[in-house]
Amino acid sequence: MPDDKNKNKPIPPELVDIAFPTLHVRKFTKTPDEVIASHTLEDIFAPRGDNGISVFQHAAINRPEIAGEMLKKDGVTADHVFMQDNNGNTALHYAANRGNEQLARDIIDFNGATSTHLKKKNIREHEAIDVLRDKGHEELAQYLQEKINKLKAVEIASQPAEQTYEPAKSGKPKLRLI
């Protein structure tokens, strides 16, 4: 779960404007792309407040098109994208809950995502796939399951084979891969 170092750090006002559409108190002076480009990864992805939700997660809830743009920022890693809030939810949980299919697909297909990232559980022990199924998004749940299966196969195939030595009948050791 998130640490408390950013808990009381204020969210930059421009990020508030793009992540929380109901809180607009100013006119946009920059496009969302310009706002995203002008802020650090920490501004966008660090957990904030008592609930530990990042600006990216808020955008996943309120402005999925903006969250999709945040995924494209240089330097974004799977650890940023799959950061969990204090309830264990990731942006994928939020996109699944809101039925934001395009954002959910963008997160599922994020370069660097592993099966472990995609299978993170919240405090209720629900994975994003459980949320998708619960909300009736079976096609997207199937897509996620297929992606998890492919990633697991690649992860298993890329692990080095374990080697053991076993004496041969002739007395010379024989290499055996298991």
C-alpha atoms as a PDB file:
ATOM      1  CA  MET A   1       0.000   0.000   0.000  1.00  0.00           C
ATOM      2  CA  PRO A   2       1.119   3.603  -0.448  1.00  0.00           C
ATOM      3  CA  ASP A   3       3.414   5.351   1.959  1.00  0.00           C
ATOM      4  CA  ASP A   4       2.510   8.607   3.683  1.00  0.00           C
ATOM      5  CA  LYS A   5       5.227  10.868   2.250  1.00  0.00           C
ATOM      6  CA  ASN A   6       2.834  12.574  -0.215  1.00  0.00           C
ATOM      7  CA  LYS A   7      -0.286  12.295   1.933  1.00  0.00           C
ATOM      8  CA  ASN A   8      -0.518  16.006   2.753  1.00  0.00           C
ATOM      9  CA  LYS A   9       1.233  17.336  -0.325  1.00  0.00           C
ATOM     10  CA  PRO A  10      -1.262  19.437  -2.304  1.00  0.00           C
ATOM     11  CA  ILE A  11      -2.211  18.400  -5.804  1.00  0.00           C
ATOM     12  CA  PRO A  12      -1.084  21.004  -8.351  1.00  0.00           C
ATOM     13  CA  PRO A  13      -4.165  23.076  -9.315  1.00  0.00           C
ATOM     14  CA  GLU A  14      -3.860  22.343 -13.031  1.00  0.00           C
ATOM     15  CA  LEU A  15      -3.982  18.601 -12.289  1.00  0.00           C
ATOM     16  CA  VAL A  16      -7.059  19.156 -10.140  1.00  0.00           C
ATOM     17  CA  ASP A  17      -8.704  20.828 -13.127  1.00  0.00           C
ATOM     18  CA  ILE A  18      -8.147  17.874 -15.432  1.00  0.00           C
ATOM     19  CA  ALA A  19      -8.714  15.030 -12.956  1.00  0.00           C
ATOM     20  CA  PHE A  20     -11.747  16.415 -11.137  1.00  0.00           C
ATOM     21  CA  PRO A  21     -14.150  17.912 -13.683  1.00  0.00           C
ATOM     22  CA  THR A  22     -16.723  18.840 -11.061  1.00  0.00           C
ATOM     23  CA  LEU A  23     -14.202  21.004  -9.225  1.00  0.00           C
ATOM     24  CA  HIS A  24     -13.497  23.354 -12.130  1.00  0.00           C
ATOM     25  CA  VAL A  25     -13.136  26.796 -10.675  1.00  0.00           C
ATOM     26  CA  ARG A  26     -10.874  28.180 -13.390  1.00  0.00           C
ATOM     27  CA  LYS A  27     -10.938  28.223 -17.140  1.00  0.00           C
ATOM     28  CA  PHE A  28      -8.459  25.950 -18.864  1.00  0.00           C
ATOM     29  CA  THR A  29      -5.449  27.926 -19.981  1.00  0.00           C
ATOM     30  CA  LYS A  30      -3.628  24.813 -21.240  1.00  0.00           C
ATOM     31  CA  THR A  31      -4.760  21.640 -22.913  1.00  0.00           C
ATOM     32  CA  PRO A  32      -4.764  18.493 -20.775  1.00  0.00           C
ATOM     33  CA  ASP A  33      -1.742  17.256 -22.759  1.00  0.00           C
ATOM     34  CA  GLU A  34       0.177  20.412 -21.864  1.00  0.00           C
ATOM     35  CA  VAL A  35      -0.782  20.067 -18.209  1.00  0.00           C
ATOM     36  CA  ILE A  36       0.307  16.418 -18.101  1.00  0.00           C
ATOM     37  CA  ALA A  37       3.587  17.241 -19.856  1.00  0.00           C
ATOM     38  CA  SER A  38       4.372  20.050 -17.420  1.00  0.00           C
ATOM     39  CA  HIS A  39       4.092  17.917 -14.268  1.00  0.00           C
ATOM     40  CA  THR A  40       6.286  15.214 -12.798  1.00  0.00           C
ATOM     41  CA  LEU A  41       5.452  11.543 -12.525  1.00  0.00           C
ATOM     42  CA  GLU A  42       5.257  12.027  -8.754  1.00  0.00           C
ATOM     43  CA  ASP A  43       2.636  14.776  -9.174  1.00  0.00           C
ATOM     44  CA  ILE A  44       0.510  12.414 -11.264  1.00  0.00           C
ATOM     45  CA  PHE A  45       1.074   8.985  -9.723  1.00  0.00           C
ATOM     46  CA  ALA A  46       1.916   9.559  -6.037  1.00  0.00           C
ATOM     47  CA  PRO A  47      -0.784   8.616  -3.511  1.00  0.00           C
ATOM     48  CA  ARG A  48      -2.512  11.584  -1.856  1.00  0.00           C
ATOM     49  CA  GLY A  49      -4.719  12.225   1.132  1.00  0.00           C
ATOM     50  CA  ASP A  50      -6.213   9.814   3.618  1.00  0.00           C
ATOM     51  CA  ASN A  51      -7.388   7.376   0.945  1.00  0.00           C
ATOM     52  CA  GLY A  52      -4.047   7.237  -0.887  1.00  0.00           C
ATOM     53  CA  ILE A  53      -5.622   7.781  -4.298  1.00  0.00           C
ATOM     54  CA  SER A  54      -3.340   9.285  -6.938  1.00  0.00           C
ATOM     55  CA  VAL A  55      -4.322  11.923  -9.476  1.00  0.00           C
ATOM     56  CA  PHE A  56      -4.053   9.164 -12.101  1.00  0.00           C
ATOM     57  CA  GLN A  57      -6.582   7.034 -10.215  1.00  0.00           C
ATOM     58  CA  HIS A  58      -8.918  10.014  -9.829  1.00  0.00           C
ATOM     59  CA  ALA A  59      -8.645  10.573 -13.575  1.00  0.00           C
ATOM     60  CA  ALA A  60      -9.432   6.879 -14.140  1.00  0.00           C
ATOM     61  CA  ILE A  61     -12.645   7.431 -12.160  1.00  0.00           C
ATOM     62  CA  ASN A  62     -13.677  10.848 -13.485  1.00  0.00           C
ATOM     63  CA  ARG A  63     -11.830  11.469 -16.749  1.00  0.00           C
ATOM     64  CA  PRO A  64     -10.777   8.191 -18.410  1.00  0.00           C
ATOM     65  CA  GLU A  65      -9.647   9.975 -21.567  1.00  0.00           C
ATOM     66  CA  ILE A  66      -7.213  12.033 -19.474  1.00  0.00           C
ATOM     67  CA  ALA A  67      -5.994   8.931 -17.616  1.00  0.00           C
ATOM     68  CA  GLY A  68      -5.302   7.357 -21.004  1.00  0.00           C
ATOM     69  CA  GLU A  69      -3.097  10.331 -21.879  1.00  0.00           C
ATOM     70  CA  MET A  70      -1.288  10.063 -18.536  1.00  0.00           C
ATOM     71  CA  LEU A  71      -0.295   6.498 -19.481  1.00  0.00           C
ATOM     72  CA  LYS A  72       1.674   7.922 -22.422  1.00  0.00           C
ATOM     73  CA  LYS A  73       3.865  10.236 -20.338  1.00  0.00           C
ATOM     74  CA  ASP A  74       7.578   9.486 -20.682  1.00  0.00           C
ATOM     75  CA  GLY A  75       8.962   7.428 -17.827  1.00  0.00           C
ATOM     76  CA  VAL A  76       5.672   5.878 -16.704  1.00  0.00           C
ATOM     77  CA  THR A  77       6.240   2.342 -15.451  1.00  0.00           C
ATOM     78  CA  ALA A  78       3.915  -0.522 -14.597  1.00  0.00           C
ATOM     79  CA  ASP A  79       4.569   0.245 -10.933  1.00  0.00           C
ATOM     80  CA  HIS A  80       3.084   3.720 -11.474  1.00  0.00           C
ATOM     81  CA  VAL A  81       0.083   2.404 -13.381  1.00  0.00           C
ATOM     82  CA  PHE A  82      -0.696  -0.421 -10.939  1.00  0.00           C
ATOM     83  CA  MET A  83      -0.083   1.498  -7.705  1.00  0.00           C
ATOM     84  CA  GLN A  84      -2.678   0.561  -5.107  1.00  0.00           C
ATOM     85  CA  ASP A  85      -4.547   3.026  -2.923  1.00  0.00           C
ATOM     86  CA  ASN A  86      -5.288   2.395   0.754  1.00  0.00           C
ATOM     87  CA  ASN A  87      -8.150   0.073  -0.229  1.00  0.00           C
ATOM     88  CA  GLY A  88      -5.896  -1.909  -2.549  1.00  0.00           C
ATOM     89  CA  ASN A  89      -7.586  -0.635  -5.706  1.00  0.00           C
ATOM     90  CA  THR A  90      -5.591   0.095  -8.838  1.00  0.00           C
ATOM     91  CA  ALA A  91      -6.647   2.307 -11.742  1.00  0.00           C
ATOM     92  CA  LEU A  92      -7.696  -0.933 -13.455  1.00  0.00           C
ATOM     93  CA  HIS A  93     -10.126  -1.645 -10.602  1.00  0.00           C
ATOM     94  CA  TYR A  94     -11.580   1.859 -11.034  1.00  0.00           C
ATOM     95  CA  ALA A  95     -11.804   1.623 -14.831  1.00  0.00           C
ATOM     96  CA  ALA A  96     -13.483  -1.787 -14.459  1.00  0.00           C
ATOM     97  CA  ASN A  97     -15.930  -0.449 -11.881  1.00  0.00           C
ATOM     98  CA  ARG A  98     -16.880   2.503 -14.082  1.00  0.00           C
ATOM     99  CA  GLY A  99     -17.100   0.414 -17.252  1.00  0.00           C
ATOM    100  CA  ASN A 100     -14.444   2.515 -18.979  1.00  0.00           C
ATOM    101  CA  GLU A 101     -13.602  -0.107 -21.580  1.00  0.00           C
ATOM    102  CA  GLN A 102     -10.996   1.848 -23.557  1.00  0.00           C
ATOM    103  CA  LEU A 103      -9.050   2.872 -20.456  1.00  0.00           C
ATOM    104  CA  ALA A 104      -9.257  -0.665 -19.056  1.00  0.00           C
ATOM    105  CA  ARG A 105      -7.835  -2.018 -22.337  1.00  0.00           C
ATOM    106  CA  ASP A 106      -5.083   0.620 -22.328  1.00  0.00           C
ATOM    107  CA  ILE A 107      -4.119  -0.372 -18.784  1.00  0.00           C
ATOM    108  CA  ILE A 108      -4.316  -4.104 -19.545  1.00  0.00           C
ATOM    109  CA  ASP A 109      -2.082  -3.595 -22.593  1.00  0.00           C
ATOM    110  CA  PHE A 110       0.349  -1.270 -20.812  1.00  0.00           C
ATOM    111  CA  ASN A 111       3.896  -2.159 -21.805  1.00  0.00           C
ATOM    112  CA  GLY A 112       5.673  -3.711 -18.834  1.00  0.00           C
ATOM    113  CA  ALA A 113       2.554  -5.024 -17.111  1.00  0.00           C
ATOM    114  CA  THR A 114       2.946  -8.502 -15.666  1.00  0.00           C
ATOM    115  CA  SER A 115       0.359 -11.061 -14.654  1.00  0.00           C
ATOM    116  CA  THR A 116       1.099 -10.061 -11.054  1.00  0.00           C
ATOM    117  CA  HIS A 117       0.192  -6.430 -11.840  1.00  0.00           C
ATOM    118  CA  LEU A 118      -3.047  -7.460 -13.551  1.00  0.00           C
ATOM    119  CA  LYS A 119      -4.044  -9.796 -10.710  1.00  0.00           C
ATOM    120  CA  LYS A 120      -3.597  -7.362  -7.801  1.00  0.00           C
ATOM    121  CA  LYS A 121      -6.310  -7.742  -5.180  1.00  0.00           C
ATOM    122  CA  ASN A 122      -7.989  -5.026  -3.185  1.00  0.00           C
ATOM    123  CA  ILE A 123      -8.752  -5.322   0.540  1.00  0.00           C
ATOM    124  CA  ARG A 124     -11.918  -7.261  -0.296  1.00  0.00           C
ATOM    125  CA  GLU A 125      -9.751  -9.786  -2.165  1.00  0.00           C
ATOM    126  CA  HIS A 126     -11.236  -8.701  -5.518  1.00  0.00           C
ATOM    127  CA  GLU A 127      -9.085  -8.581  -8.616  1.00  0.00           C
ATOM    128  CA  ALA A 128     -10.038  -6.241 -11.462  1.00  0.00           C
ATOM    129  CA  ILE A 129     -11.343  -9.259 -13.377  1.00  0.00           C
ATOM    130  CA  ASP A 130     -13.808  -9.905 -10.536  1.00  0.00           C
ATOM    131  CA  VAL A 131     -15.011  -6.309 -10.757  1.00  0.00           C
ATOM    132  CA  LEU A 132     -15.440  -6.605 -14.533  1.00  0.00           C
ATOM    133  CA  ARG A 133     -17.530  -9.747 -14.167  1.00  0.00           C
ATOM    134  CA  ASP A 134     -19.568  -8.282 -11.319  1.00  0.00           C
ATOM    135  CA  LYS A 135     -20.382  -5.229 -13.449  1.00  0.00           C
ATOM    136  CA  GLY A 136     -21.371  -7.368 -16.453  1.00  0.00           C
ATOM    137  CA  HIS A 137     -18.328  -6.674 -18.633  1.00  0.00           C
ATOM    138  CA  GLU A 138     -17.748 -10.314 -19.538  1.00  0.00           C
ATOM    139  CA  GLU A 139     -16.062  -9.655 -22.892  1.00  0.00           C
ATOM    140  CA  LEU A 140     -13.499  -7.374 -21.265  1.00  0.00           C
ATOM    141  CA  ALA A 141     -13.038  -9.869 -18.419  1.00  0.00           C
ATOM    142  CA  GLN A 142     -12.307 -12.554 -21.001  1.00  0.00           C
ATOM    143  CA  TYR A 143      -9.817 -10.224 -22.715  1.00  0.00           C
ATOM    144  CA  LEU A 144      -8.092  -9.624 -19.362  1.00  0.00           C
ATOM    145  CA  GLN A 145      -7.984 -13.352 -18.609  1.00  0.00           C
ATOM    146  CA  GLU A 146      -6.431 -14.070 -22.017  1.00  0.00           C
ATOM    147  CA  LYS A 147      -3.815 -11.359 -21.401  1.00  0.00           C
ATOM    148  CA  ILE A 148      -3.001 -12.794 -17.960  1.00  0.00           C
ATOM    149  CA  ASN A 149      -2.647 -16.283 -19.461  1.00  0.00           C
ATOM    150  CA  LYS A 150      -0.317 -15.011 -22.220  1.00  0.00           C
ATOM    151  CA  LEU A 151       1.807 -13.082 -19.736  1.00  0.00           C
ATOM    152  CA  LYS A 152       2.036 -16.085 -17.402  1.00  0.00           C
ATOM    153  CA  ALA A 153       3.164 -18.296 -20.308  1.00  0.00           C
ATOM    154  CA  VAL A 154       5.868 -15.789 -21.260  1.00  0.00           C
ATOM    155  CA  GLU A 155       6.947 -15.384 -17.628  1.00  0.00           C
ATOM    156  CA  ILE A 156       7.232 -19.157 -17.170  1.00  0.00           C
ATOM    157  CA  ALA A 157       9.076 -19.610 -20.478  1.00  0.00           C
ATOM    158  CA  SER A 158      11.579 -16.889 -19.587  1.00  0.00           C
ATOM    159  CA  GLN A 159      12.511 -18.436 -16.243  1.00  0.00           C
ATOM    160  CA  PRO A 160      15.797 -20.324 -16.317  1.00  0.00           C
ATOM    161  CA  ALA A 161      15.453 -24.084 -16.137  1.00  0.00           C
ATOM    162  CA  GLU A 162      16.536 -25.617 -12.863  1.00  0.00           C
ATOM    163  CA  GLN A 163      19.517 -27.880 -13.183  1.00  0.00           C
ATOM    164  CA  THR A 164      20.389 -30.863 -11.052  1.00  0.00           C
ATOM    165  CA  TYR A 165      23.270 -33.252 -11.250  1.00  0.00           C
ATOM    166  CA  GLU A 166      22.639 -36.893 -10.876  1.00  0.00           C
ATOM    167  CA  PRO A 167      25.297 -39.576 -10.953  1.00  0.00           C
ATOM    168  CA  ALA A 168      25.124 -41.711 -14.077  1.00  0.00           C
ATOM    169  CA  LYS A 169      25.402 -45.471 -13.896  1.00  0.00           C
ATOM    170  CA  SER A 170      28.930 -45.180 -15.257  1.00  0.00           C
ATOM    171  CA  GLY A 171      29.915 -43.054 -12.282  1.00  0.00           C
ATOM    172  CA  LYS A 172      30.108 -39.809 -14.287  1.00  0.00           C
ATOM    173  CA  PRO A 173      27.647 -37.037 -13.336  1.00  0.00           C
ATOM    174  CA  LYS A 174      24.783 -36.513 -15.762  1.00  0.00           C
ATOM    175  CA  LEU A 175      23.138 -33.103 -16.250  1.00  0.00           C
ATOM    176  CA  ARG A 176      19.366 -33.196 -16.081  1.00  0.00           C
ATOM    177  CA  LEU A 177      17.011 -30.278 -16.625  1.00  0.00           C
ATOM    178  CA  ILE A 178      13.865 -30.234 -14.517  1.00  0.00           C
END
